[in-house]
Amino acid sequence: MNTAVKNDTFQIEPVLRKVLVDAEQDHQELQEMFQLMGWGDLPDKLKIEIKDDVSAMIEELRGQYSTCDSFVQKRRQSVTYWVSCYRDGICSLETAIQALKVRKL
């Protein structure tokens, strides 16, 4: 049996352009969030580790929701503590990142 693979022409350029535009917008929003927290000067490696935490903090500050969950509050205290330790020179960047790394279950 002879089968032929149909090769549809797919224009990848518009898709890549949209991905690039979306990534740039996400990057700008992320930088704005860190600026709002006063943490704009943090290294990107640390920002990547805490971006979800910072995003949730900003949403709460904007009135999107309020959390009373003790685990969320402890995580936020931990993020604030380790960012302060790093900025004050008490710990290294790698120590702060390792302390804030979310462990998989």
PDB file of N, CA and C in Angstrom:
ATOM      1  N   MET A   1       0.846  -1.166   0.000  1.00  0.00           N
ATOM      2  CA  MET A   1       0.000   0.000   0.000  1.00  0.00           C
ATOM      3  C   MET A   1       0.894   1.233   0.000  1.00  0.00           C
ATOM      4  N   ASN A   2       0.624   2.139  -0.843  1.00  0.00           N
ATOM      5  CA  ASN A   2       1.431   3.338  -1.008  1.00  0.00           C
ATOM      6  C   ASN A   2       0.676   4.516  -0.408  1.00  0.00           C
ATOM      7  N   THR A   3       1.235   5.105   0.663  1.00  0.00           N
ATOM      8  CA  THR A   3       0.580   6.254   1.293  1.00  0.00           C
ATOM      9  C   THR A   3       1.451   7.469   1.125  1.00  0.00           C
ATOM     10  N   ALA A   4       0.825   8.554   0.882  1.00  0.00           N
ATOM     11  CA  ALA A   4       1.552   9.817   0.731  1.00  0.00           C
ATOM     12  C   ALA A   4       1.196  10.724   1.898  1.00  0.00           C
ATOM     13  N   VAL A   5       2.180  11.424   2.391  1.00  0.00           N
ATOM     14  CA  VAL A   5       1.960  12.373   3.469  1.00  0.00           C
ATOM     15  C   VAL A   5       1.618  13.715   2.839  1.00  0.00           C
ATOM     16  N   LYS A   6       0.484  14.233   3.217  1.00  0.00           N
ATOM     17  CA  LYS A   6       0.060  15.522   2.684  1.00  0.00           C
ATOM     18  C   LYS A   6       0.787  16.621   3.450  1.00  0.00           C
ATOM     19  N   ASN A   7       1.430  17.497   2.754  1.00  0.00           N
ATOM     20  CA  ASN A   7       2.204  18.576   3.362  1.00  0.00           C
ATOM     21  C   ASN A   7       1.447  19.884   3.171  1.00  0.00           C
ATOM     22  N   ASP A   8       0.625  20.234   4.168  1.00  0.00           N
ATOM     23  CA  ASP A   8      -0.092  21.495   4.112  1.00  0.00           C
ATOM     24  C   ASP A   8       0.868  22.635   4.368  1.00  0.00           C
ATOM     25  N   THR A   9       0.679  23.697   3.644  1.00  0.00           N
ATOM     26  CA  THR A   9       1.504  24.872   3.865  1.00  0.00           C
ATOM     27  C   THR A   9       0.988  25.597   5.094  1.00  0.00           C
ATOM     28  N   PHE A  10       1.852  25.764   6.056  1.00  0.00           N
ATOM     29  CA  PHE A  10       1.489  26.428   7.297  1.00  0.00           C
ATOM     30  C   PHE A  10       2.399  27.626   7.470  1.00  0.00           C
ATOM     31  N   GLN A  11       1.802  28.766   7.623  1.00  0.00           N
ATOM     32  CA  GLN A  11       2.579  29.986   7.782  1.00  0.00           C
ATOM     33  C   GLN A  11       2.986  30.143   9.241  1.00  0.00           C
ATOM     34  N   ILE A  12       4.241  29.896   9.526  1.00  0.00           N
ATOM     35  CA  ILE A  12       4.719  29.938  10.901  1.00  0.00           C
ATOM     36  C   ILE A  12       5.053  31.353  11.361  1.00  0.00           C
ATOM     37  N   GLU A  13       5.366  32.232  10.446  1.00  0.00           N
ATOM     38  CA  GLU A  13       5.786  33.581  10.821  1.00  0.00           C
ATOM     39  C   GLU A  13       4.746  34.331  11.659  1.00  0.00           C
ATOM     40  N   PRO A  14       3.450  34.325  11.285  1.00  0.00           N
ATOM     41  CA  PRO A  14       2.467  35.031  12.131  1.00  0.00           C
ATOM     42  C   PRO A  14       2.363  34.436  13.537  1.00  0.00           C
ATOM     43  N   VAL A  15       2.508  33.127  13.637  1.00  0.00           N
ATOM     44  CA  VAL A  15       2.444  32.473  14.942  1.00  0.00           C
ATOM     45  C   VAL A  15       3.632  32.888  15.800  1.00  0.00           C
ATOM     46  N   LEU A  16       4.810  32.881  15.211  1.00  0.00           N
ATOM     47  CA  LEU A  16       6.013  33.285  15.948  1.00  0.00           C
ATOM     48  C   LEU A  16       5.944  34.752  16.350  1.00  0.00           C
ATOM     49  N   ARG A  17       5.412  35.582  15.470  1.00  0.00           N
ATOM     50  CA  ARG A  17       5.277  37.010  15.782  1.00  0.00           C
ATOM     51  C   ARG A  17       4.360  37.192  16.986  1.00  0.00           C
ATOM     52  N   LYS A  18       3.236  36.460  17.018  1.00  0.00           N
ATOM     53  CA  LYS A  18       2.305  36.558  18.144  1.00  0.00           C
ATOM     54  C   LYS A  18       2.961  36.076  19.435  1.00  0.00           C
ATOM     55  N   VAL A  19       3.709  34.995  19.376  1.00  0.00           N
ATOM     56  CA  VAL A  19       4.412  34.490  20.558  1.00  0.00           C
ATOM     57  C   VAL A  19       5.397  35.529  21.068  1.00  0.00           C
ATOM     58  N   LEU A  20       6.120  36.160  20.154  1.00  0.00           N
ATOM     59  CA  LEU A  20       7.091  37.176  20.536  1.00  0.00           C
ATOM     60  C   LEU A  20       6.408  38.389  21.168  1.00  0.00           C
ATOM     61  N   VAL A  21       5.308  38.831  20.584  1.00  0.00           N
ATOM     62  CA  VAL A  21       4.564  39.976  21.130  1.00  0.00           C
ATOM     63  C   VAL A  21       4.015  39.635  22.508  1.00  0.00           C
ATOM     64  N   ASP A  22       3.450  38.430  22.660  1.00  0.00           N
ATOM     65  CA  ASP A  22       2.917  38.010  23.958  1.00  0.00           C
ATOM     66  C   ASP A  22       4.020  37.919  25.010  1.00  0.00           C
ATOM     67  N   ALA A  23       5.175  37.395  24.629  1.00  0.00           N
ATOM     68  CA  ALA A  23       6.294  37.279  25.568  1.00  0.00           C
ATOM     69  C   ALA A  23       6.788  38.655  25.999  1.00  0.00           C
ATOM     70  N   GLU A  24       6.847  39.586  25.073  1.00  0.00           N
ATOM     71  CA  GLU A  24       7.275  40.947  25.401  1.00  0.00           C
ATOM     72  C   GLU A  24       6.285  41.612  26.355  1.00  0.00           C
ATOM     73  N   GLN A  25       4.992  41.407  26.107  1.00  0.00           N
ATOM     74  CA  GLN A  25       3.965  41.981  26.984  1.00  0.00           C
ATOM     75  C   GLN A  25       4.057  41.369  28.383  1.00  0.00           C
ATOM     76  N   ASP A  26       4.233  40.052  28.461  1.00  0.00           N
ATOM     77  CA  ASP A  26       4.375  39.387  29.757  1.00  0.00           C
ATOM     78  C   ASP A  26       5.603  39.910  30.499  1.00  0.00           C
ATOM     79  N   HIS A  27       6.692  40.113  29.782  1.00  0.00           N
ATOM     80  CA  HIS A  27       7.928  40.631  30.398  1.00  0.00           C
ATOM     81  C   HIS A  27       7.701  42.037  30.953  1.00  0.00           C
ATOM     82  N   GLN A  28       7.016  42.879  30.197  1.00  0.00           N
ATOM     83  CA  GLN A  28       6.741  44.240  30.663  1.00  0.00           C
ATOM     84  C   GLN A  28       5.848  44.229  31.898  1.00  0.00           C
ATOM     85  N   GLU A  29       4.834  43.377  31.902  1.00  0.00           N
ATOM     86  CA  GLU A  29       3.945  43.278  33.063  1.00  0.00           C
ATOM     87  C   GLU A  29       4.713  42.783  34.284  1.00  0.00           C
ATOM     88  N   LEU A  30       5.586  41.816  34.070  1.00  0.00           N
ATOM     89  CA  LEU A  30       6.397  41.284  35.165  1.00  0.00           C
ATOM     90  C   LEU A  30       7.310  42.360  35.735  1.00  0.00           C
ATOM     91  N   GLN A  31       7.962  43.130  34.874  1.00  0.00           N
ATOM     92  CA  GLN A  31       8.837  44.200  35.345  1.00  0.00           C
ATOM     93  C   GLN A  31       8.038  45.248  36.120  1.00  0.00           C
ATOM     94  N   GLU A  32       6.831  45.547  35.648  1.00  0.00           N
ATOM     95  CA  GLU A  32       5.978  46.514  36.344  1.00  0.00           C
ATOM     96  C   GLU A  32       5.609  46.009  37.737  1.00  0.00           C
ATOM     97  N   MET A  33       5.304  44.728  37.838  1.00  0.00           N
ATOM     98  CA  MET A  33       4.953  44.155  39.141  1.00  0.00           C
ATOM     99  C   MET A  33       6.116  44.283  40.122  1.00  0.00           C
ATOM    100  N   PHE A  34       7.315  43.964  39.665  1.00  0.00           N
ATOM    101  CA  PHE A  34       8.474  44.060  40.547  1.00  0.00           C
ATOM    102  C   PHE A  34       8.771  45.509  40.915  1.00  0.00           C
ATOM    103  N   GLN A  35       8.543  46.432  40.003  1.00  0.00           N
ATOM    104  CA  GLN A  35       8.719  47.847  40.314  1.00  0.00           C
ATOM    105  C   GLN A  35       7.720  48.284  41.383  1.00  0.00           C
ATOM    106  N   LEU A  36       6.476  47.823  41.279  1.00  0.00           N
ATOM    107  CA  LEU A  36       5.464  48.174  42.274  1.00  0.00           C
ATOM    108  C   LEU A  36       5.840  47.680  43.671  1.00  0.00           C
ATOM    109  N   MET A  37       6.525  46.544  43.733  1.00  0.00           N
ATOM    110  CA  MET A  37       6.956  45.993  45.014  1.00  0.00           C
ATOM    111  C   MET A  37       8.256  46.638  45.506  1.00  0.00           C
ATOM    112  N   GLY A  38       8.888  47.442  44.654  1.00  0.00           N
ATOM    113  CA  GLY A  38      10.181  48.028  45.013  1.00  0.00           C
ATOM    114  C   GLY A  38      11.328  47.063  44.807  1.00  0.00           C
ATOM    115  N   TRP A  39      11.088  46.012  44.044  1.00  0.00           N
ATOM    116  CA  TRP A  39      12.080  44.972  43.815  1.00  0.00           C
ATOM    117  C   TRP A  39      12.563  44.937  42.366  1.00  0.00           C
ATOM    118  N   GLY A  40      12.498  46.045  41.681  1.00  0.00           N
ATOM    119  CA  GLY A  40      12.892  46.079  40.281  1.00  0.00           C
ATOM    120  C   GLY A  40      14.353  45.775  40.040  1.00  0.00           C
ATOM    121  N   ASP A  41      15.186  45.958  41.058  1.00  0.00           N
ATOM    122  CA  ASP A  41      16.627  45.747  40.908  1.00  0.00           C
ATOM    123  C   ASP A  41      17.059  44.306  41.165  1.00  0.00           C
ATOM    124  N   LEU A  42      16.128  43.424  41.481  1.00  0.00           N
ATOM    125  CA  LEU A  42      16.496  42.027  41.747  1.00  0.00           C
ATOM    126  C   LEU A  42      16.997  41.357  40.470  1.00  0.00           C
ATOM    127  N   PRO A  43      17.928  40.418  40.607  1.00  0.00           N
ATOM    128  CA  PRO A  43      18.397  39.670  39.439  1.00  0.00           C
ATOM    129  C   PRO A  43      17.258  38.832  38.835  1.00  0.00           C
ATOM    130  N   ASP A  44      17.333  38.620  37.530  1.00  0.00           N
ATOM    131  CA  ASP A  44      16.282  37.874  36.836  1.00  0.00           C
ATOM    132  C   ASP A  44      16.093  36.467  37.393  1.00  0.00           C
ATOM    133  N   LYS A  45      17.187  35.821  37.809  1.00  0.00           N
ATOM    134  CA  LYS A  45      17.064  34.459  38.353  1.00  0.00           C
ATOM    135  C   LYS A  45      16.157  34.436  39.578  1.00  0.00           C
ATOM    136  N   LEU A  46      16.254  35.433  40.425  1.00  0.00           N
ATOM    137  CA  LEU A  46      15.411  35.503  41.619  1.00  0.00           C
ATOM    138  C   LEU A  46      13.985  35.898  41.232  1.00  0.00           C
ATOM    139  N   LYS A  47      13.864  36.819  40.290  1.00  0.00           N
ATOM    140  CA  LYS A  47      12.537  37.227  39.833  1.00  0.00           C
ATOM    141  C   LYS A  47      11.756  36.046  39.270  1.00  0.00           C
ATOM    142  N   ILE A  48      12.424  35.201  38.518  1.00  0.00           N
ATOM    143  CA  ILE A  48      11.765  34.034  37.933  1.00  0.00           C
ATOM    144  C   ILE A  48      11.247  33.116  39.028  1.00  0.00           C
ATOM    145  N   GLU A  49      12.028  32.972  40.090  1.00  0.00           N
ATOM    146  CA  GLU A  49      11.647  32.069  41.188  1.00  0.00           C
ATOM    147  C   GLU A  49      10.418  32.562  41.942  1.00  0.00           C
ATOM    148  N   ILE A  50      10.232  33.877  42.023  1.00  0.00           N
ATOM    149  CA  ILE A  50       9.137  34.414  42.848  1.00  0.00           C
ATOM    150  C   ILE A  50       8.078  35.147  42.030  1.00  0.00           C
ATOM    151  N   LYS A  51       8.103  35.017  40.716  1.00  0.00           N
ATOM    152  CA  LYS A  51       7.170  35.776  39.882  1.00  0.00           C
ATOM    153  C   LYS A  51       5.709  35.448  40.185  1.00  0.00           C
ATOM    154  N   ASP A  52       5.381  34.203  40.439  1.00  0.00           N
ATOM    155  CA  ASP A  52       3.998  33.845  40.766  1.00  0.00           C
ATOM    156  C   ASP A  52       3.576  34.450  42.107  1.00  0.00           C
ATOM    157  N   ASP A  53       4.487  34.466  43.060  1.00  0.00           N
ATOM    158  CA  ASP A  53       4.196  35.054  44.367  1.00  0.00           C
ATOM    159  C   ASP A  53       3.950  36.553  44.238  1.00  0.00           C
ATOM    160  N   VAL A  54       4.820  37.219  43.499  1.00  0.00           N
ATOM    161  CA  VAL A  54       4.698  38.669  43.331  1.00  0.00           C
ATOM    162  C   VAL A  54       3.413  39.004  42.575  1.00  0.00           C
ATOM    163  N   SER A  55       3.104  38.221  41.572  1.00  0.00           N
ATOM    164  CA  SER A  55       1.873  38.437  40.812  1.00  0.00           C
ATOM    165  C   SER A  55       0.653  38.336  41.721  1.00  0.00           C
ATOM    166  N   ALA A  56       0.624  37.335  42.585  1.00  0.00           N
ATOM    167  CA  ALA A  56      -0.503  37.174  43.515  1.00  0.00           C
ATOM    168  C   ALA A  56      -0.550  38.318  44.524  1.00  0.00           C
ATOM    169  N   MET A  57       0.601  38.764  44.996  1.00  0.00           N
ATOM    170  CA  MET A  57       0.637  39.898  45.932  1.00  0.00           C
ATOM    171  C   MET A  57       0.070  41.156  45.285  1.00  0.00           C
ATOM    172  N   ILE A  58       0.459  41.408  44.053  1.00  0.00           N
ATOM    173  CA  ILE A  58      -0.012  42.598  43.336  1.00  0.00           C
ATOM    174  C   ILE A  58      -1.519  42.510  43.098  1.00  0.00           C
ATOM    175  N   GLU A  59      -2.005  41.340  42.702  1.00  0.00           N
ATOM    176  CA  GLU A  59      -3.443  41.174  42.483  1.00  0.00           C
ATOM    177  C   GLU A  59      -4.222  41.430  43.767  1.00  0.00           C
ATOM    178  N   GLU A  60      -3.682  40.981  44.877  1.00  0.00           N
ATOM    179  CA  GLU A  60      -4.357  41.220  46.149  1.00  0.00           C
ATOM    180  C   GLU A  60      -4.321  42.708  46.506  1.00  0.00           C
ATOM    181  N   LEU A  61      -3.183  43.356  46.279  1.00  0.00           N
ATOM    182  CA  LEU A  61      -3.085  44.787  46.554  1.00  0.00           C
ATOM    183  C   LEU A  61      -4.045  45.599  45.683  1.00  0.00           C
ATOM    184  N   ARG A  62      -4.296  45.112  44.488  1.00  0.00           N
ATOM    185  CA  ARG A  62      -5.227  45.780  43.571  1.00  0.00           C
ATOM    186  C   ARG A  62      -6.688  45.465  43.895  1.00  0.00           C
ATOM    187  N   GLY A  63      -6.907  44.625  44.897  1.00  0.00           N
ATOM    188  CA  GLY A  63      -8.268  44.305  45.313  1.00  0.00           C
ATOM    189  C   GLY A  63      -8.912  43.172  44.540  1.00  0.00           C
ATOM    190  N   GLN A  64      -8.121  42.397  43.811  1.00  0.00           N
ATOM    191  CA  GLN A  64      -8.676  41.291  43.038  1.00  0.00           C
ATOM    192  C   GLN A  64      -9.237  40.192  43.949  1.00  0.00           C
ATOM    193  N   TYR A  65      -8.564  39.948  45.055  1.00  0.00           N
ATOM    194  CA  TYR A  65      -9.026  38.968  46.028  1.00  0.00           C
ATOM    195  C   TYR A  65      -8.273  39.176  47.330  1.00  0.00           C
ATOM    196  N   SER A  66      -8.692  38.462  48.348  1.00  0.00           N
ATOM    197  CA  SER A  66      -8.017  38.518  49.634  1.00  0.00           C
ATOM    198  C   SER A  66      -7.861  37.091  50.147  1.00  0.00           C
ATOM    199  N   THR A  67      -6.699  36.783  50.663  1.00  0.00           N
ATOM    200  CA  THR A  67      -6.485  35.442  51.182  1.00  0.00           C
ATOM    201  C   THR A  67      -6.157  35.497  52.665  1.00  0.00           C
ATOM    202  N   CYS A  68      -6.720  34.564  53.371  1.00  0.00           N
ATOM    203  CA  CYS A  68      -6.424  34.421  54.801  1.00  0.00           C
ATOM    204  C   CYS A  68      -5.766  33.078  55.063  1.00  0.00           C
ATOM    205  N   ASP A  69      -5.433  32.357  54.010  1.00  0.00           N
ATOM    206  CA  ASP A  69      -4.826  31.043  54.139  1.00  0.00           C
ATOM    207  C   ASP A  69      -3.466  31.163  54.805  1.00  0.00           C
ATOM    208  N   SER A  70      -3.258  30.400  55.854  1.00  0.00           N
ATOM    209  CA  SER A  70      -2.007  30.510  56.618  1.00  0.00           C
ATOM    210  C   SER A  70      -0.786  30.086  55.795  1.00  0.00           C
ATOM    211  N   PHE A  71      -0.950  29.127  54.888  1.00  0.00           N
ATOM    212  CA  PHE A  71       0.177  28.697  54.066  1.00  0.00           C
ATOM    213  C   PHE A  71       0.584  29.786  53.072  1.00  0.00           C
ATOM    214  N   VAL A  72      -0.405  30.486  52.515  1.00  0.00           N
ATOM    215  CA  VAL A  72      -0.111  31.586  51.603  1.00  0.00           C
ATOM    216  C   VAL A  72       0.586  32.709  52.364  1.00  0.00           C
ATOM    217  N   GLN A  73       0.097  33.021  53.542  1.00  0.00           N
ATOM    218  CA  GLN A  73       0.715  34.078  54.338  1.00  0.00           C
ATOM    219  C   GLN A  73       2.149  33.718  54.718  1.00  0.00           C
ATOM    220  N   LYS A  74       2.398  32.463  55.073  1.00  0.00           N
ATOM    221  CA  LYS A  74       3.762  32.030  55.413  1.00  0.00           C
ATOM    222  C   LYS A  74       4.677  32.085  54.196  1.00  0.00           C
ATOM    223  N   ARG A  75       4.160  31.716  53.033  1.00  0.00           N
ATOM    224  CA  ARG A  75       4.966  31.790  51.811  1.00  0.00           C
ATOM    225  C   ARG A  75       5.330  33.242  51.515  1.00  0.00           C
ATOM    226  N   ARG A  76       4.383  34.136  51.656  1.00  0.00           N
ATOM    227  CA  ARG A  76       4.653  35.554  51.404  1.00  0.00           C
ATOM    228  C   ARG A  76       5.674  36.104  52.397  1.00  0.00           C
ATOM    229  N   GLN A  77       5.569  35.694  53.643  1.00  0.00           N
ATOM    230  CA  GLN A  77       6.561  36.120  54.630  1.00  0.00           C
ATOM    231  C   GLN A  77       7.942  35.585  54.260  1.00  0.00           C
ATOM    232  N   SER A  78       7.971  34.357  53.783  1.00  0.00           N
ATOM    233  CA  SER A  78       9.236  33.753  53.379  1.00  0.00           C
ATOM    234  C   SER A  78       9.840  34.493  52.191  1.00  0.00           C
ATOM    235  N   VAL A  79       9.012  34.825  51.201  1.00  0.00           N
ATOM    236  CA  VAL A  79       9.501  35.565  50.036  1.00  0.00           C
ATOM    237  C   VAL A  79      10.064  36.910  50.471  1.00  0.00           C
ATOM    238  N   THR A  80       9.318  37.629  51.272  1.00  0.00           N
ATOM    239  CA  THR A  80       9.760  38.938  51.748  1.00  0.00           C
ATOM    240  C   THR A  80      11.056  38.819  52.555  1.00  0.00           C
ATOM    241  N   TYR A  81      11.126  37.824  53.419  1.00  0.00           N
ATOM    242  CA  TYR A  81      12.315  37.613  54.250  1.00  0.00           C
ATOM    243  C   TYR A  81      13.557  37.353  53.390  1.00  0.00           C
ATOM    244  N   TRP A  82      13.463  36.416  52.454  1.00  0.00           N
ATOM    245  CA  TRP A  82      14.634  36.042  51.672  1.00  0.00           C
ATOM    246  C   TRP A  82      15.044  37.130  50.686  1.00  0.00           C
ATOM    247  N   VAL A  83      14.061  37.866  50.151  1.00  0.00           N
ATOM    248  CA  VAL A  83      14.413  39.001  49.293  1.00  0.00           C
ATOM    249  C   VAL A  83      15.157  40.046  50.115  1.00  0.00           C
ATOM    250  N   SER A  84      14.677  40.318  51.337  1.00  0.00           N
ATOM    251  CA  SER A  84      15.361  41.279  52.215  1.00  0.00           C
ATOM    252  C   SER A  84      16.766  40.805  52.574  1.00  0.00           C
ATOM    253  N   CYS A  85      16.899  39.519  52.886  1.00  0.00           N
ATOM    254  CA  CYS A  85      18.220  38.975  53.211  1.00  0.00           C
ATOM    255  C   CYS A  85      19.179  39.134  52.035  1.00  0.00           C
ATOM    256  N   TYR A  86      18.704  38.852  50.845  1.00  0.00           N
ATOM    257  CA  TYR A  86      19.563  39.001  49.664  1.00  0.00           C
ATOM    258  C   TYR A  86      19.946  40.470  49.460  1.00  0.00           C
ATOM    259  N   ARG A  87      18.966  41.344  49.506  1.00  0.00           N
ATOM    260  CA  ARG A  87      19.224  42.765  49.254  1.00  0.00           C
ATOM    261  C   ARG A  87      20.132  43.378  50.317  1.00  0.00           C
ATOM    262  N   ASP A  88      20.045  42.877  51.565  1.00  0.00           N
ATOM    263  CA  ASP A  88      20.882  43.395  52.646  1.00  0.00           C
ATOM    264  C   ASP A  88      22.268  42.747  52.685  1.00  0.00           C
ATOM    265  N   GLY A  89      22.509  41.804  51.790  1.00  0.00           N
ATOM    266  CA  GLY A  89      23.815  41.156  51.725  1.00  0.00           C
ATOM    267  C   GLY A  89      24.009  40.070  52.769  1.00  0.00           C
ATOM    268  N   ILE A  90      22.940  39.638  53.403  1.00  0.00           N
ATOM    269  CA  ILE A  90      23.034  38.599  54.436  1.00  0.00           C
ATOM    270  C   ILE A  90      23.222  37.226  53.815  1.00  0.00           C
ATOM    271  N   CYS A  91      22.660  37.019  52.611  1.00  0.00           N
ATOM    272  CA  CYS A  91      22.809  35.729  51.943  1.00  0.00           C
ATOM    273  C   CYS A  91      23.126  35.961  50.468  1.00  0.00           C
ATOM    274  N   SER A  92      23.590  34.910  49.837  1.00  0.00           N
ATOM    275  CA  SER A  92      23.912  34.990  48.410  1.00  0.00           C
ATOM    276  C   SER A  92      22.646  34.819  47.575  1.00  0.00           C
ATOM    277  N   LEU A  93      22.773  35.125  46.305  1.00  0.00           N
ATOM    278  CA  LEU A  93      21.657  34.943  45.379  1.00  0.00           C
ATOM    279  C   LEU A  93      21.243  33.480  45.338  1.00  0.00           C
ATOM    280  N   GLU A  94      22.202  32.587  45.253  1.00  0.00           N
ATOM    281  CA  GLU A  94      21.898  31.153  45.184  1.00  0.00           C
ATOM    282  C   GLU A  94      21.195  30.654  46.447  1.00  0.00           C
ATOM    283  N   THR A  95      21.594  31.167  47.599  1.00  0.00           N
ATOM    284  CA  THR A  95      20.942  30.772  48.852  1.00  0.00           C
ATOM    285  C   THR A  95      19.487  31.217  48.852  1.00  0.00           C
ATOM    286  N   ALA A  96      19.232  32.446  48.434  1.00  0.00           N
ATOM    287  CA  ALA A  96      17.855  32.953  48.388  1.00  0.00           C
ATOM    288  C   ALA A  96      17.019  32.142  47.407  1.00  0.00           C
ATOM    289  N   ILE A  97      17.579  31.842  46.253  1.00  0.00           N
ATOM    290  CA  ILE A  97      16.840  31.064  45.253  1.00  0.00           C
ATOM    291  C   ILE A  97      16.523  29.674  45.779  1.00  0.00           C
ATOM    292  N   GLN A  98      17.501  29.028  46.389  1.00  0.00           N
ATOM    293  CA  GLN A  98      17.274  27.684  46.924  1.00  0.00           C
ATOM    294  C   GLN A  98      16.237  27.699  48.045  1.00  0.00           C
ATOM    295  N   ALA A  99      16.267  28.727  48.868  1.00  0.00           N
ATOM    296  CA  ALA A  99      15.305  28.824  49.969  1.00  0.00           C
ATOM    297  C   ALA A  99      13.888  29.049  49.449  1.00  0.00           C
ATOM    298  N   LEU A 100      13.757  29.712  48.320  1.00  0.00           N
ATOM    299  CA  LEU A 100      12.444  30.044  47.781  1.00  0.00           C
ATOM    300  C   LEU A 100      11.943  29.076  46.719  1.00  0.00           C
ATOM    301  N   LYS A 101      12.775  28.136  46.338  1.00  0.00           N
ATOM    302  CA  LYS A 101      12.384  27.161  45.325  1.00  0.00           C
ATOM    303  C   LYS A 101      11.192  26.355  45.841  1.00  0.00           C
ATOM    304  N   VAL A 102      10.186  26.267  45.006  1.00  0.00           N
ATOM    305  CA  VAL A 102       8.977  25.506  45.364  1.00  0.00           C
ATOM    306  C   VAL A 102       9.280  24.034  45.118  1.00  0.00           C
ATOM    307  N   ARG A 103       9.129  23.245  46.154  1.00  0.00           N
ATOM    308  CA  ARG A 103       9.399  21.816  46.072  1.00  0.00           C
ATOM    309  C   ARG A 103       8.179  21.104  45.511  1.00  0.00           C
ATOM    310  N   LYS A 104       8.412  20.204  44.565  1.00  0.00           N
ATOM    311  CA  LYS A 104       7.340  19.395  43.988  1.00  0.00           C
ATOM    312  C   LYS A 104       6.960  18.291  44.962  1.00  0.00           C
ATOM    313  N   LEU A 105       5.676  17.993  45.008  1.00  0.00           N
ATOM    314  CA  LEU A 105       5.217  16.904  45.891  1.00  0.00           C
ATOM    315  C   LEU A 105       5.461  15.561  45.251  1.00  0.00           C
TER     316      LEU A 105
END
